[in-house]
Amino acid sequence: MTNIKNLYILVFSLLITTISNAQELEKVNTGALGDVKYSILNPEQFAMVNGDGWILLDGRKLSSKSDLYKLLNKTGHSNIIPDDKLPNGDGVFIRGVDTDEADSYGEIEKNRIVGTYQDDSFKSHSHVYNNDNYDHRAGKGNSNANVQKSQGGINTGNTATTGSVETRPKNIALYIYIKIYKN
């Protein structure tokens, strides 16, 4: 009877060890320092799956103890984190750095520093209209209010304001994480 009891204890111990190892295997610690990941997982869930080397890219001060901080300072790239603060990815779109020597888009982004914030902007343009049947429509609204007919039958005036509180493409919201510890 003692041998069977010992066998059960051994099998139970192996089972617990196997379950524990399987749970550790689930925690995939992927990514290199400075890598950025998008995720639907909140910070607690993300850490359970990816390990503790990641934090939200939310503008917080980067710890001088972090591996990323040490690497950036060691390699002379501390300008990427001015005032030791990470970029804040909350509510903004990420844009790739212009590294093309033969810049096919003009010199729009030349010499921009990685991690810097850029405010919203519209490319300079104008709208010209001068016919009697002018009808300016934007989205689902009709914006031809305030258009008045001048002498000679040509419409002149300003279009009505239309739109929302911001200009944005269709999008989905995700958490943005950055790897700061090797683990």
C-alpha atoms as a PDB file:
ATOM      1  CA  MET A   1       0.000   0.000   0.000  1.00  0.00           C
ATOM      2  CA  THR A   2       2.882   2.389   0.789  1.00  0.00           C
ATOM      3  CA  ASN A   3       4.372   1.849  -2.690  1.00  0.00           C
ATOM      4  CA  ILE A   4       1.058   2.753  -4.355  1.00  0.00           C
ATOM      5  CA  LYS A   5       0.754   5.826  -2.131  1.00  0.00           C
ATOM      6  CA  ASN A   6       4.314   6.883  -3.050  1.00  0.00           C
ATOM      7  CA  LEU A   7       3.544   6.277  -6.725  1.00  0.00           C
ATOM      8  CA  TYR A   8       0.454   8.520  -6.471  1.00  0.00           C
ATOM      9  CA  ILE A   9       2.533  11.223  -4.767  1.00  0.00           C
ATOM     10  CA  LEU A  10       5.196  10.967  -7.491  1.00  0.00           C
ATOM     11  CA  VAL A  11       2.602  11.113 -10.313  1.00  0.00           C
ATOM     12  CA  PHE A  12       0.822  14.028  -8.616  1.00  0.00           C
ATOM     13  CA  SER A  13       4.149  15.898  -8.207  1.00  0.00           C
ATOM     14  CA  LEU A  14       5.026  15.310 -11.865  1.00  0.00           C
ATOM     15  CA  LEU A  15       1.576  16.516 -12.903  1.00  0.00           C
ATOM     16  CA  ILE A  16       1.910  19.722 -10.844  1.00  0.00           C
ATOM     17  CA  THR A  17       5.405  20.309 -12.281  1.00  0.00           C
ATOM     18  CA  THR A  18       4.119  19.733 -15.830  1.00  0.00           C
ATOM     19  CA  ILE A  19       1.222  22.162 -15.312  1.00  0.00           C
ATOM     20  CA  SER A  20       3.586  24.740 -13.817  1.00  0.00           C
ATOM     21  CA  ASN A  21       6.013  24.355 -16.741  1.00  0.00           C
ATOM     22  CA  ALA A  22       3.150  24.635 -19.248  1.00  0.00           C
ATOM     23  CA  GLN A  23       2.018  27.873 -17.607  1.00  0.00           C
ATOM     24  CA  GLU A  24       5.557  29.250 -17.864  1.00  0.00           C
ATOM     25  CA  LEU A  25       5.702  28.238 -21.525  1.00  0.00           C
ATOM     26  CA  GLU A  26       2.552  30.306 -22.113  1.00  0.00           C
ATOM     27  CA  LYS A  27       4.485  33.377 -20.968  1.00  0.00           C
ATOM     28  CA  VAL A  28       6.347  34.049 -24.190  1.00  0.00           C
ATOM     29  CA  ASN A  29       8.986  36.667 -23.514  1.00  0.00           C
ATOM     30  CA  THR A  30       9.445  37.878 -27.062  1.00  0.00           C
ATOM     31  CA  GLY A  31      10.900  41.036 -28.467  1.00  0.00           C
ATOM     32  CA  ALA A  32      14.123  42.977 -28.268  1.00  0.00           C
ATOM     33  CA  LEU A  33      14.828  46.183 -26.367  1.00  0.00           C
ATOM     34  CA  GLY A  34      12.946  49.103 -27.893  1.00  0.00           C
ATOM     35  CA  ASP A  35      10.485  46.902 -29.781  1.00  0.00           C
ATOM     36  CA  VAL A  36       6.923  48.203 -29.842  1.00  0.00           C
ATOM     37  CA  LYS A  37       3.849  45.958 -29.793  1.00  0.00           C
ATOM     38  CA  TYR A  38       0.182  46.684 -30.262  1.00  0.00           C
ATOM     39  CA  SER A  39      -2.201  44.555 -28.209  1.00  0.00           C
ATOM     40  CA  ILE A  40      -5.823  44.161 -27.179  1.00  0.00           C
ATOM     41  CA  LEU A  41      -4.579  42.897 -23.801  1.00  0.00           C
ATOM     42  CA  ASN A  42      -4.604  45.308 -20.849  1.00  0.00           C
ATOM     43  CA  PRO A  43      -1.260  45.755 -19.018  1.00  0.00           C
ATOM     44  CA  GLU A  44      -1.910  42.990 -16.470  1.00  0.00           C
ATOM     45  CA  GLN A  45      -2.929  40.469 -19.142  1.00  0.00           C
ATOM     46  CA  PHE A  46      -0.067  41.540 -21.408  1.00  0.00           C
ATOM     47  CA  ALA A  47       2.498  40.985 -18.629  1.00  0.00           C
ATOM     48  CA  MET A  48       1.073  37.520 -17.939  1.00  0.00           C
ATOM     49  CA  VAL A  49       1.651  36.528 -21.566  1.00  0.00           C
ATOM     50  CA  ASN A  50       4.768  38.546 -22.517  1.00  0.00           C
ATOM     51  CA  GLY A  51       6.680  38.917 -19.260  1.00  0.00           C
ATOM     52  CA  ASP A  52       7.509  41.956 -17.183  1.00  0.00           C
ATOM     53  CA  GLY A  53       9.955  43.621 -19.596  1.00  0.00           C
ATOM     54  CA  TRP A  54       7.236  45.695 -21.268  1.00  0.00           C
ATOM     55  CA  ILE A  55       5.456  48.911 -20.255  1.00  0.00           C
ATOM     56  CA  LEU A  56       2.824  51.098 -21.863  1.00  0.00           C
ATOM     57  CA  LEU A  57       4.194  53.664 -24.285  1.00  0.00           C
ATOM     58  CA  ASP A  58       2.411  56.442 -22.409  1.00  0.00           C
ATOM     59  CA  GLY A  59       4.918  59.254 -21.976  1.00  0.00           C
ATOM     60  CA  ARG A  60       6.202  58.145 -18.582  1.00  0.00           C
ATOM     61  CA  LYS A  61       9.737  58.798 -17.403  1.00  0.00           C
ATOM     62  CA  LEU A  62      12.050  55.937 -18.371  1.00  0.00           C
ATOM     63  CA  SER A  63      13.817  54.463 -15.367  1.00  0.00           C
ATOM     64  CA  SER A  64      17.575  54.896 -15.439  1.00  0.00           C
ATOM     65  CA  LYS A  65      17.722  51.274 -14.219  1.00  0.00           C
ATOM     66  CA  SER A  66      16.013  49.951 -17.355  1.00  0.00           C
ATOM     67  CA  ASP A  67      18.056  48.159 -19.991  1.00  0.00           C
ATOM     68  CA  LEU A  68      16.647  50.422 -22.716  1.00  0.00           C
ATOM     69  CA  TYR A  69      17.802  53.574 -20.894  1.00  0.00           C
ATOM     70  CA  LYS A  70      21.285  52.111 -20.435  1.00  0.00           C
ATOM     71  CA  LEU A  71      21.504  51.069 -24.097  1.00  0.00           C
ATOM     72  CA  LEU A  72      20.392  54.469 -25.433  1.00  0.00           C
ATOM     73  CA  ASN A  73      22.866  56.329 -23.222  1.00  0.00           C
ATOM     74  CA  LYS A  74      25.699  53.900 -23.947  1.00  0.00           C
ATOM     75  CA  THR A  75      25.259  54.229 -27.720  1.00  0.00           C
ATOM     76  CA  GLY A  76      24.843  58.014 -27.717  1.00  0.00           C
ATOM     77  CA  HIS A  77      21.155  57.960 -28.623  1.00  0.00           C
ATOM     78  CA  SER A  78      19.751  59.529 -25.466  1.00  0.00           C
ATOM     79  CA  ASN A  79      18.220  62.299 -27.640  1.00  0.00           C
ATOM     80  CA  ILE A  80      15.477  59.781 -28.485  1.00  0.00           C
ATOM     81  CA  ILE A  81      14.173  60.195 -24.940  1.00  0.00           C
ATOM     82  CA  PRO A  82      14.430  63.914 -24.148  1.00  0.00           C
ATOM     83  CA  ASP A  83      14.026  64.544 -20.403  1.00  0.00           C
ATOM     84  CA  ASP A  84      14.217  60.743 -20.036  1.00  0.00           C
ATOM     85  CA  LYS A  85      10.550  60.464 -21.076  1.00  0.00           C
ATOM     86  CA  LEU A  86       9.259  57.865 -23.498  1.00  0.00           C
ATOM     87  CA  PRO A  87       7.040  59.028 -26.351  1.00  0.00           C
ATOM     88  CA  ASN A  88       3.334  59.101 -25.510  1.00  0.00           C
ATOM     89  CA  GLY A  89       1.384  56.838 -27.857  1.00  0.00           C
ATOM     90  CA  ASP A  90      -1.996  57.614 -26.262  1.00  0.00           C
ATOM     91  CA  GLY A  91      -4.492  58.591 -28.959  1.00  0.00           C
ATOM     92  CA  VAL A  92      -1.954  59.237 -31.735  1.00  0.00           C
ATOM     93  CA  PHE A  93      -0.998  57.419 -34.917  1.00  0.00           C
ATOM     94  CA  ILE A  94       2.516  56.091 -35.382  1.00  0.00           C
ATOM     95  CA  ARG A  95       4.435  57.236 -38.459  1.00  0.00           C
ATOM     96  CA  GLY A  96       7.545  55.554 -39.824  1.00  0.00           C
ATOM     97  CA  VAL A  97      10.802  57.499 -39.756  1.00  0.00           C
ATOM     98  CA  ASP A  98      11.963  58.755 -43.143  1.00  0.00           C
ATOM     99  CA  THR A  99      15.265  56.954 -43.765  1.00  0.00           C
ATOM    100  CA  ASP A 100      15.181  57.053 -47.580  1.00  0.00           C
ATOM    101  CA  GLU A 101      18.238  58.754 -49.037  1.00  0.00           C
ATOM    102  CA  ALA A 102      16.415  59.366 -52.334  1.00  0.00           C
ATOM    103  CA  ASP A 103      13.309  60.623 -50.523  1.00  0.00           C
ATOM    104  CA  SER A 104      10.514  60.094 -53.027  1.00  0.00           C
ATOM    105  CA  TYR A 105       8.049  62.162 -50.989  1.00  0.00           C
ATOM    106  CA  GLY A 106      10.101  65.360 -50.892  1.00  0.00           C
ATOM    107  CA  GLU A 107      11.917  66.489 -47.779  1.00  0.00           C
ATOM    108  CA  ILE A 108       8.870  66.345 -45.541  1.00  0.00           C
ATOM    109  CA  GLU A 109      10.410  64.369 -42.683  1.00  0.00           C
ATOM    110  CA  LYS A 110      14.163  64.856 -43.118  1.00  0.00           C
ATOM    111  CA  ASN A 111      16.136  64.925 -39.856  1.00  0.00           C
ATOM    112  CA  ARG A 112      13.152  64.065 -37.670  1.00  0.00           C
ATOM    113  CA  ILE A 113      14.217  62.408 -34.416  1.00  0.00           C
ATOM    114  CA  VAL A 114      12.763  59.001 -33.550  1.00  0.00           C
ATOM    115  CA  GLY A 115      10.100  59.206 -30.857  1.00  0.00           C
ATOM    116  CA  THR A 116       9.256  62.889 -31.381  1.00  0.00           C
ATOM    117  CA  TYR A 117       5.657  64.098 -31.343  1.00  0.00           C
ATOM    118  CA  GLN A 118       4.220  65.882 -34.351  1.00  0.00           C
ATOM    119  CA  ASP A 119       1.020  67.924 -34.076  1.00  0.00           C
ATOM    120  CA  ASP A 120      -1.765  67.536 -36.608  1.00  0.00           C
ATOM    121  CA  SER A 121      -1.556  69.488 -39.826  1.00  0.00           C
ATOM    122  CA  PHE A 122      -3.241  69.981 -43.191  1.00  0.00           C
ATOM    123  CA  LYS A 123      -1.273  70.396 -46.398  1.00  0.00           C
ATOM    124  CA  SER A 124      -1.716  73.903 -47.764  1.00  0.00           C
ATOM    125  CA  HIS A 125      -4.464  73.970 -50.375  1.00  0.00           C
ATOM    126  CA  SER A 126      -7.343  76.068 -51.654  1.00  0.00           C
ATOM    127  CA  HIS A 127     -10.830  75.582 -53.054  1.00  0.00           C
ATOM    128  CA  VAL A 128     -11.838  77.627 -56.067  1.00  0.00           C
ATOM    129  CA  TYR A 129     -15.377  77.949 -57.221  1.00  0.00           C
ATOM    130  CA  ASN A 130     -17.000  80.371 -59.567  1.00  0.00           C
ATOM    131  CA  ASN A 131     -20.019  78.879 -61.253  1.00  0.00           C
ATOM    132  CA  ASP A 132     -23.735  79.330 -60.765  1.00  0.00           C
ATOM    133  CA  ASN A 133     -24.303  75.673 -59.859  1.00  0.00           C
ATOM    134  CA  TYR A 134     -21.718  75.433 -57.073  1.00  0.00           C
ATOM    135  CA  ASP A 135     -22.540  72.751 -54.519  1.00  0.00           C
ATOM    136  CA  HIS A 136     -19.835  71.825 -51.996  1.00  0.00           C
ATOM    137  CA  ARG A 137     -20.501  68.609 -50.146  1.00  0.00           C
ATOM    138  CA  ALA A 138     -18.268  67.094 -47.470  1.00  0.00           C
ATOM    139  CA  GLY A 139     -19.051  63.668 -46.078  1.00  0.00           C
ATOM    140  CA  LYS A 140     -22.789  63.291 -45.518  1.00  0.00           C
ATOM    141  CA  GLY A 141     -23.529  66.990 -44.956  1.00  0.00           C
ATOM    142  CA  ASN A 142     -24.375  69.714 -47.436  1.00  0.00           C
ATOM    143  CA  SER A 143     -21.993  72.634 -47.040  1.00  0.00           C
ATOM    144  CA  ASN A 144     -23.318  75.142 -49.545  1.00  0.00           C
ATOM    145  CA  ALA A 145     -24.920  77.436 -46.979  1.00  0.00           C
ATOM    146  CA  ASN A 146     -23.622  81.023 -46.967  1.00  0.00           C
ATOM    147  CA  VAL A 147     -22.960  80.922 -50.722  1.00  0.00           C
ATOM    148  CA  GLN A 148     -24.332  84.070 -52.311  1.00  0.00           C
ATOM    149  CA  LYS A 149     -24.898  84.987 -55.916  1.00  0.00           C
ATOM    150  CA  SER A 150     -22.896  87.995 -57.046  1.00  0.00           C
ATOM    151  CA  GLN A 151     -23.539  90.273 -59.983  1.00  0.00           C
ATOM    152  CA  GLY A 152     -23.113  88.470 -63.247  1.00  0.00           C
ATOM    153  CA  GLY A 153     -24.545  85.202 -61.872  1.00  0.00           C
ATOM    154  CA  ILE A 154     -21.348  83.850 -60.295  1.00  0.00           C
ATOM    155  CA  ASN A 155     -21.542  82.360 -56.826  1.00  0.00           C
ATOM    156  CA  THR A 156     -19.178  83.766 -54.253  1.00  0.00           C
ATOM    157  CA  GLY A 157     -18.869  83.345 -50.516  1.00  0.00           C
ATOM    158  CA  ASN A 158     -17.769  80.947 -47.836  1.00  0.00           C
ATOM    159  CA  THR A 159     -18.830  77.386 -47.404  1.00  0.00           C
ATOM    160  CA  ALA A 160     -20.370  76.432 -44.067  1.00  0.00           C
ATOM    161  CA  THR A 161     -18.236  74.700 -41.471  1.00  0.00           C
ATOM    162  CA  THR A 162     -18.787  70.981 -41.276  1.00  0.00           C
ATOM    163  CA  GLY A 163     -17.045  68.123 -39.500  1.00  0.00           C
ATOM    164  CA  SER A 164     -16.064  66.849 -36.081  1.00  0.00           C
ATOM    165  CA  VAL A 165     -13.639  67.869 -33.339  1.00  0.00           C
ATOM    166  CA  GLU A 166     -10.716  66.154 -35.095  1.00  0.00           C
ATOM    167  CA  THR A 167      -9.595  64.858 -38.487  1.00  0.00           C
ATOM    168  CA  ARG A 168      -8.921  61.123 -38.377  1.00  0.00           C
ATOM    169  CA  PRO A 169      -9.126  58.010 -40.544  1.00  0.00           C
ATOM    170  CA  LYS A 170     -11.225  55.014 -39.519  1.00  0.00           C
ATOM    171  CA  ASN A 171      -9.362  53.301 -36.693  1.00  0.00           C
ATOM    172  CA  ILE A 172      -9.377  50.868 -33.798  1.00  0.00           C
ATOM    173  CA  ALA A 173      -7.959  51.508 -30.336  1.00  0.00           C
ATOM    174  CA  LEU A 174      -5.161  49.253 -29.059  1.00  0.00           C
ATOM    175  CA  TYR A 175      -2.671  49.363 -26.214  1.00  0.00           C
ATOM    176  CA  ILE A 176       0.897  50.225 -27.267  1.00  0.00           C
ATOM    177  CA  TYR A 177       3.766  48.618 -25.306  1.00  0.00           C
ATOM    178  CA  ILE A 178       7.542  49.087 -25.467  1.00  0.00           C
ATOM    179  CA  LYS A 179      10.204  46.624 -24.339  1.00  0.00           C
ATOM    180  CA  ILE A 180      12.516  48.246 -21.739  1.00  0.00           C
ATOM    181  CA  TYR A 181      14.012  45.226 -19.900  1.00  0.00           C
ATOM    182  CA  LYS A 182      15.781  42.221 -21.392  1.00  0.00           C
ATOM    183  CA  ASN A 183      14.294  39.729 -18.874  1.00  0.00           C
END
